[in-house]
Amino acid sequence: MSGGSIGAKRVALEGMPNNDSTIIDSVNTRRIARIVVPLAMAAASLVSLSVRPASAQSVGIRGGVSVKPDQFYFGGHVETAPLIDRLRFRPNIEIGIGDDRTLVAFNFEFAYHFPSRTTWNVYAGAGPALNLLRFHGETDPGGGLNLLMGVQHERGLFAEFKVGTVDSPRAKFAVGYAARWQ
């Protein structure tokens, strides 16, 4: 490597002129991850202290596909009782495989469930993400933000669409099942 600081990588970015590579400093990404991860964990701990009894919570599994990177992914989530009104905390972990890379996403998402008079419920939400990308033997952490929308049946079946920014996959579609804890 030449012309960069220690830990810097030379990467040719898509859409950039090919006359010279752009330097991306992976050290800054690691510094951001060292700040974001403890803050996200502290927020998750505070939320978990304020939740209602487990009987109002659910646990779920999911599987789907993502775009950029193009992967199949699977994972699971826990959903709390409503924190306020119909807003629930829904942290989840998703593992993506394909496109010559592995992505592990820790998503700290909140979902608002809209009122419904049918057996299907629409929800929308957002939340930060910590993404660990393994590519060519190297693991790089990155942050992201997910925006999501989904539908869920009262018996647990759901379908969800996510749009990601920063280092999150650009789009994800999943189906899954959530079971209430009794």
C-alpha atoms as a PDB file:
ATOM      1  CA  MET A   1       0.000   0.000   0.000  1.00  0.00           C
ATOM      2  CA  SER A   2       1.263   3.414  -0.798  1.00  0.00           C
ATOM      3  CA  GLY A   3       0.024   6.918  -0.243  1.00  0.00           C
ATOM      4  CA  GLY A   4      -2.229   6.078   2.725  1.00  0.00           C
ATOM      5  CA  SER A   5      -2.152   5.862   6.488  1.00  0.00           C
ATOM      6  CA  ILE A   6      -1.595   2.619   8.351  1.00  0.00           C
ATOM      7  CA  GLY A   7      -4.690   0.447   7.933  1.00  0.00           C
ATOM      8  CA  ALA A   8      -5.838   2.296   4.801  1.00  0.00           C
ATOM      9  CA  LYS A   9      -6.988   0.319   1.788  1.00  0.00           C
ATOM     10  CA  ARG A  10      -6.958   1.269  -1.887  1.00  0.00           C
ATOM     11  CA  VAL A  11     -10.316   0.542  -3.422  1.00  0.00           C
ATOM     12  CA  ALA A  12     -11.672   1.433  -6.859  1.00  0.00           C
ATOM     13  CA  LEU A  13     -15.243   2.561  -6.261  1.00  0.00           C
ATOM     14  CA  GLU A  14     -18.065   1.846  -8.705  1.00  0.00           C
ATOM     15  CA  GLY A  15     -18.884   4.832 -10.883  1.00  0.00           C
ATOM     16  CA  MET A  16     -15.610   6.651 -10.125  1.00  0.00           C
ATOM     17  CA  PRO A  17     -13.109   7.460 -12.871  1.00  0.00           C
ATOM     18  CA  ASN A  18     -10.516   4.713 -13.207  1.00  0.00           C
ATOM     19  CA  ASN A  19      -7.502   7.061 -13.430  1.00  0.00           C
ATOM     20  CA  ASP A  20      -6.739   6.640  -9.722  1.00  0.00           C
ATOM     21  CA  SER A  21      -8.148   4.648  -6.805  1.00  0.00           C
ATOM     22  CA  THR A  22      -9.892   6.312  -3.912  1.00  0.00           C
ATOM     23  CA  ILE A  23      -8.440   5.703  -0.445  1.00  0.00           C
ATOM     24  CA  ILE A  24     -10.885   4.461   2.141  1.00  0.00           C
ATOM     25  CA  ASP A  25      -9.588   4.485   5.686  1.00  0.00           C
ATOM     26  CA  SER A  26     -10.803   1.323   7.417  1.00  0.00           C
ATOM     27  CA  VAL A  27      -9.403   2.658  10.695  1.00  0.00           C
ATOM     28  CA  ASN A  28     -12.217   5.255  10.770  1.00  0.00           C
ATOM     29  CA  THR A  29     -14.825   2.521  10.278  1.00  0.00           C
ATOM     30  CA  ARG A  30     -13.382   0.602  13.206  1.00  0.00           C
ATOM     31  CA  ARG A  31     -13.406   3.749  15.371  1.00  0.00           C
ATOM     32  CA  ILE A  32     -17.062   4.362  14.504  1.00  0.00           C
ATOM     33  CA  ALA A  33     -17.901   0.721  15.292  1.00  0.00           C
ATOM     34  CA  ARG A  34     -16.181   1.047  18.695  1.00  0.00           C
ATOM     35  CA  ILE A  35     -18.531   3.926  19.498  1.00  0.00           C
ATOM     36  CA  VAL A  36     -21.743   2.627  17.897  1.00  0.00           C
ATOM     37  CA  VAL A  37     -21.625  -0.907  19.353  1.00  0.00           C
ATOM     38  CA  PRO A  38     -21.444   0.119  23.052  1.00  0.00           C
ATOM     39  CA  LEU A  39     -24.146   2.769  22.504  1.00  0.00           C
ATOM     40  CA  ALA A  40     -26.441   0.250  20.805  1.00  0.00           C
ATOM     41  CA  MET A  41     -25.832  -2.308  23.545  1.00  0.00           C
ATOM     42  CA  ALA A  42     -26.569   0.298  26.240  1.00  0.00           C
ATOM     43  CA  ALA A  43     -29.808   1.275  24.477  1.00  0.00           C
ATOM     44  CA  ALA A  44     -30.829  -2.385  24.189  1.00  0.00           C
ATOM     45  CA  SER A  45     -30.099  -2.912  27.893  1.00  0.00           C
ATOM     46  CA  LEU A  46     -32.186   0.111  28.897  1.00  0.00           C
ATOM     47  CA  VAL A  47     -35.089  -1.027  26.739  1.00  0.00           C
ATOM     48  CA  SER A  48     -34.917  -4.582  28.093  1.00  0.00           C
ATOM     49  CA  LEU A  49     -35.153  -3.234  31.661  1.00  0.00           C
ATOM     50  CA  SER A  50     -38.366  -1.392  30.825  1.00  0.00           C
ATOM     51  CA  VAL A  51     -40.256  -4.201  29.068  1.00  0.00           C
ATOM     52  CA  ARG A  52     -43.425  -5.858  30.346  1.00  0.00           C
ATOM     53  CA  PRO A  53     -43.709  -9.510  31.391  1.00  0.00           C
ATOM     54  CA  ALA A  54     -42.559 -12.159  28.936  1.00  0.00           C
ATOM     55  CA  SER A  55     -46.137 -13.249  28.196  1.00  0.00           C
ATOM     56  CA  ALA A  56     -46.509 -10.180  25.944  1.00  0.00           C
ATOM     57  CA  GLN A  57     -43.308 -10.853  23.998  1.00  0.00           C
ATOM     58  CA  SER A  58     -42.577 -12.962  20.938  1.00  0.00           C
ATOM     59  CA  VAL A  59     -39.654 -14.730  19.351  1.00  0.00           C
ATOM     60  CA  GLY A  60     -39.352 -15.364  15.626  1.00  0.00           C
ATOM     61  CA  ILE A  61     -37.335 -16.833  12.787  1.00  0.00           C
ATOM     62  CA  ARG A  62     -36.906 -15.478   9.258  1.00  0.00           C
ATOM     63  CA  GLY A  63     -35.350 -16.249   5.927  1.00  0.00           C
ATOM     64  CA  GLY A  64     -35.079 -14.294   2.715  1.00  0.00           C
ATOM     65  CA  VAL A  65     -32.980 -12.648   0.038  1.00  0.00           C
ATOM     66  CA  SER A  66     -31.009  -9.403  -0.111  1.00  0.00           C
ATOM     67  CA  VAL A  67     -29.702  -7.122  -2.847  1.00  0.00           C
ATOM     68  CA  LYS A  68     -26.201  -5.552  -2.767  1.00  0.00           C
ATOM     69  CA  PRO A  69     -24.851  -7.907  -1.602  1.00  0.00           C
ATOM     70  CA  ASP A  70     -26.928 -10.524  -3.428  1.00  0.00           C
ATOM     71  CA  GLN A  71     -27.412 -13.118  -0.706  1.00  0.00           C
ATOM     72  CA  PHE A  72     -29.734 -15.601   0.921  1.00  0.00           C
ATOM     73  CA  TYR A  73     -30.106 -14.801   4.620  1.00  0.00           C
ATOM     74  CA  PHE A  74     -31.661 -16.283   7.735  1.00  0.00           C
ATOM     75  CA  GLY A  75     -31.988 -15.159  11.317  1.00  0.00           C
ATOM     76  CA  GLY A  76     -34.136 -14.601  14.344  1.00  0.00           C
ATOM     77  CA  HIS A  77     -35.641 -11.866  16.465  1.00  0.00           C
ATOM     78  CA  VAL A  78     -37.224 -11.066  19.806  1.00  0.00           C
ATOM     79  CA  GLU A  79     -40.073  -8.561  20.010  1.00  0.00           C
ATOM     80  CA  THR A  80     -41.002  -6.811  23.239  1.00  0.00           C
ATOM     81  CA  ALA A  81     -44.399  -5.820  24.506  1.00  0.00           C
ATOM     82  CA  PRO A  82     -45.383  -2.306  23.387  1.00  0.00           C
ATOM     83  CA  LEU A  83     -42.996   0.264  24.852  1.00  0.00           C
ATOM     84  CA  ILE A  84     -45.413   3.107  24.145  1.00  0.00           C
ATOM     85  CA  ASP A  85     -48.736   2.839  22.330  1.00  0.00           C
ATOM     86  CA  ARG A  86     -48.020   0.246  19.580  1.00  0.00           C
ATOM     87  CA  LEU A  87     -44.236   0.767  19.314  1.00  0.00           C
ATOM     88  CA  ARG A  88     -42.192  -2.367  19.989  1.00  0.00           C
ATOM     89  CA  PHE A  89     -38.445  -3.035  20.178  1.00  0.00           C
ATOM     90  CA  ARG A  90     -37.520  -5.822  17.724  1.00  0.00           C
ATOM     91  CA  PRO A  91     -33.769  -6.570  17.833  1.00  0.00           C
ATOM     92  CA  ASN A  92     -32.672  -9.257  15.395  1.00  0.00           C
ATOM     93  CA  ILE A  93     -29.657 -10.975  13.953  1.00  0.00           C
ATOM     94  CA  GLU A  94     -29.417 -11.951  10.292  1.00  0.00           C
ATOM     95  CA  ILE A  95     -26.688 -14.013   8.610  1.00  0.00           C
ATOM     96  CA  GLY A  96     -26.278 -13.557   4.856  1.00  0.00           C
ATOM     97  CA  ILE A  97     -24.439 -16.016   2.616  1.00  0.00           C
ATOM     98  CA  GLY A  98     -23.530 -15.547  -1.042  1.00  0.00           C
ATOM     99  CA  ASP A  99     -21.863 -13.126  -3.458  1.00  0.00           C
ATOM    100  CA  ASP A 100     -18.459 -14.455  -2.224  1.00  0.00           C
ATOM    101  CA  ARG A 101     -19.007 -12.922   1.219  1.00  0.00           C
ATOM    102  CA  THR A 102     -20.686 -13.520   4.578  1.00  0.00           C
ATOM    103  CA  LEU A 103     -22.597 -10.746   6.333  1.00  0.00           C
ATOM    104  CA  VAL A 104     -23.709 -10.851   9.965  1.00  0.00           C
ATOM    105  CA  ALA A 105     -26.125  -8.032  10.788  1.00  0.00           C
ATOM    106  CA  PHE A 106     -27.090  -7.040  14.331  1.00  0.00           C
ATOM    107  CA  ASN A 107     -30.215  -4.901  13.868  1.00  0.00           C
ATOM    108  CA  PHE A 108     -31.651  -2.789  16.695  1.00  0.00           C
ATOM    109  CA  GLU A 109     -35.028  -2.016  15.144  1.00  0.00           C
ATOM    110  CA  PHE A 110     -38.259  -0.525  16.430  1.00  0.00           C
ATOM    111  CA  ALA A 111     -41.593  -1.461  14.803  1.00  0.00           C
ATOM    112  CA  TYR A 112     -44.886   0.409  15.047  1.00  0.00           C
ATOM    113  CA  HIS A 113     -47.926  -1.855  14.577  1.00  0.00           C
ATOM    114  CA  PHE A 114     -50.838  -0.007  12.986  1.00  0.00           C
ATOM    115  CA  PRO A 115     -54.366  -0.707  14.296  1.00  0.00           C
ATOM    116  CA  SER A 116     -56.207  -3.390  12.340  1.00  0.00           C
ATOM    117  CA  ARG A 117     -59.669  -4.939  12.349  1.00  0.00           C
ATOM    118  CA  THR A 118     -58.533  -8.011  10.418  1.00  0.00           C
ATOM    119  CA  THR A 119     -56.290 -10.958  11.246  1.00  0.00           C
ATOM    120  CA  TRP A 120     -53.433  -9.240   9.344  1.00  0.00           C
ATOM    121  CA  ASN A 121     -51.529  -6.316  10.853  1.00  0.00           C
ATOM    122  CA  VAL A 122     -49.317  -3.803   8.998  1.00  0.00           C
ATOM    123  CA  TYR A 123     -46.177  -2.513  10.714  1.00  0.00           C
ATOM    124  CA  ALA A 124     -43.389  -0.092   9.835  1.00  0.00           C
ATOM    125  CA  GLY A 125     -40.167   0.815  11.562  1.00  0.00           C
ATOM    126  CA  ALA A 126     -36.498   1.659  11.520  1.00  0.00           C
ATOM    127  CA  GLY A 127     -33.316   1.154  13.468  1.00  0.00           C
ATOM    128  CA  PRO A 128     -29.522   1.162  13.435  1.00  0.00           C
ATOM    129  CA  ALA A 129     -27.448  -1.856  12.436  1.00  0.00           C
ATOM    130  CA  LEU A 130     -23.976  -3.185  13.100  1.00  0.00           C
ATOM    131  CA  ASN A 131     -22.806  -5.167  10.059  1.00  0.00           C
ATOM    132  CA  LEU A 132     -19.813  -7.505  10.071  1.00  0.00           C
ATOM    133  CA  LEU A 133     -18.746  -8.304   6.513  1.00  0.00           C
ATOM    134  CA  ARG A 134     -16.301 -11.155   5.809  1.00  0.00           C
ATOM    135  CA  PHE A 135     -14.751 -10.934   2.346  1.00  0.00           C
ATOM    136  CA  HIS A 136     -11.513 -12.559   1.119  1.00  0.00           C
ATOM    137  CA  GLY A 137     -10.497 -13.567   4.643  1.00  0.00           C
ATOM    138  CA  GLU A 138     -10.937 -10.117   6.195  1.00  0.00           C
ATOM    139  CA  THR A 139     -13.757  -8.998   8.485  1.00  0.00           C
ATOM    140  CA  ASP A 140     -14.781  -5.344   8.389  1.00  0.00           C
ATOM    141  CA  PRO A 141     -17.366  -3.776  10.727  1.00  0.00           C
ATOM    142  CA  GLY A 142     -19.752  -1.152   9.434  1.00  0.00           C
ATOM    143  CA  GLY A 143     -22.805   0.729  10.561  1.00  0.00           C
ATOM    144  CA  GLY A 144     -26.114   1.121   8.844  1.00  0.00           C
ATOM    145  CA  LEU A 145     -29.716   2.194   9.130  1.00  0.00           C
ATOM    146  CA  ASN A 146     -32.685   0.028   8.138  1.00  0.00           C
ATOM    147  CA  LEU A 147     -36.178   1.193   7.192  1.00  0.00           C
ATOM    148  CA  LEU A 148     -38.757  -1.585   7.226  1.00  0.00           C
ATOM    149  CA  MET A 149     -42.361  -2.386   6.429  1.00  0.00           C
ATOM    150  CA  GLY A 150     -44.213  -5.642   6.920  1.00  0.00           C
ATOM    151  CA  VAL A 151     -47.449  -7.521   7.419  1.00  0.00           C
ATOM    152  CA  GLN A 152     -48.038 -10.076  10.158  1.00  0.00           C
ATOM    153  CA  HIS A 153     -50.879 -12.517  10.770  1.00  0.00           C
ATOM    154  CA  GLU A 154     -52.195 -12.812  14.317  1.00  0.00           C
ATOM    155  CA  ARG A 155     -51.010 -16.452  14.322  1.00  0.00           C
ATOM    156  CA  GLY A 156     -47.415 -15.423  13.587  1.00  0.00           C
ATOM    157  CA  LEU A 157     -46.698 -15.669   9.844  1.00  0.00           C
ATOM    158  CA  PHE A 158     -45.096 -12.449   8.526  1.00  0.00           C
ATOM    159  CA  ALA A 159     -43.499 -10.921   5.434  1.00  0.00           C
ATOM    160  CA  GLU A 160     -41.078  -7.991   5.685  1.00  0.00           C
ATOM    161  CA  PHE A 161     -39.300  -5.627   3.289  1.00  0.00           C
ATOM    162  CA  LYS A 162     -36.254  -3.577   4.375  1.00  0.00           C
ATOM    163  CA  VAL A 163     -34.281  -0.801   2.727  1.00  0.00           C
ATOM    164  CA  GLY A 164     -30.762  -0.268   4.060  1.00  0.00           C
ATOM    165  CA  THR A 165     -28.364   2.656   4.005  1.00  0.00           C
ATOM    166  CA  VAL A 166     -24.626   3.122   4.630  1.00  0.00           C
ATOM    167  CA  ASP A 167     -23.148  -0.425   5.036  1.00  0.00           C
ATOM    168  CA  SER A 168     -26.472  -2.317   5.267  1.00  0.00           C
ATOM    169  CA  PRO A 169     -27.733  -4.329   2.277  1.00  0.00           C
ATOM    170  CA  ARG A 170     -29.682  -2.044  -0.084  1.00  0.00           C
ATOM    171  CA  ALA A 171     -32.866  -4.163   0.058  1.00  0.00           C
ATOM    172  CA  LYS A 172     -34.081  -7.285   1.872  1.00  0.00           C
ATOM    173  CA  PHE A 173     -37.224  -9.384   1.611  1.00  0.00           C
ATOM    174  CA  ALA A 174     -38.037 -12.039   4.201  1.00  0.00           C
ATOM    175  CA  VAL A 175     -40.794 -14.320   5.362  1.00  0.00           C
ATOM    176  CA  GLY A 176     -40.920 -15.743   8.839  1.00  0.00           C
ATOM    177  CA  TYR A 177     -42.862 -16.902  11.837  1.00  0.00           C
ATOM    178  CA  ALA A 178     -43.175 -15.337  15.292  1.00  0.00           C
ATOM    179  CA  ALA A 179     -44.509 -17.177  18.359  1.00  0.00           C
ATOM    180  CA  ARG A 180     -45.812 -15.459  21.497  1.00  0.00           C
ATOM    181  CA  TRP A 181     -44.340 -16.463  24.841  1.00  0.00           C
ATOM    182  CA  GLN A 182     -47.109 -17.629  27.179  1.00  0.00           C
END
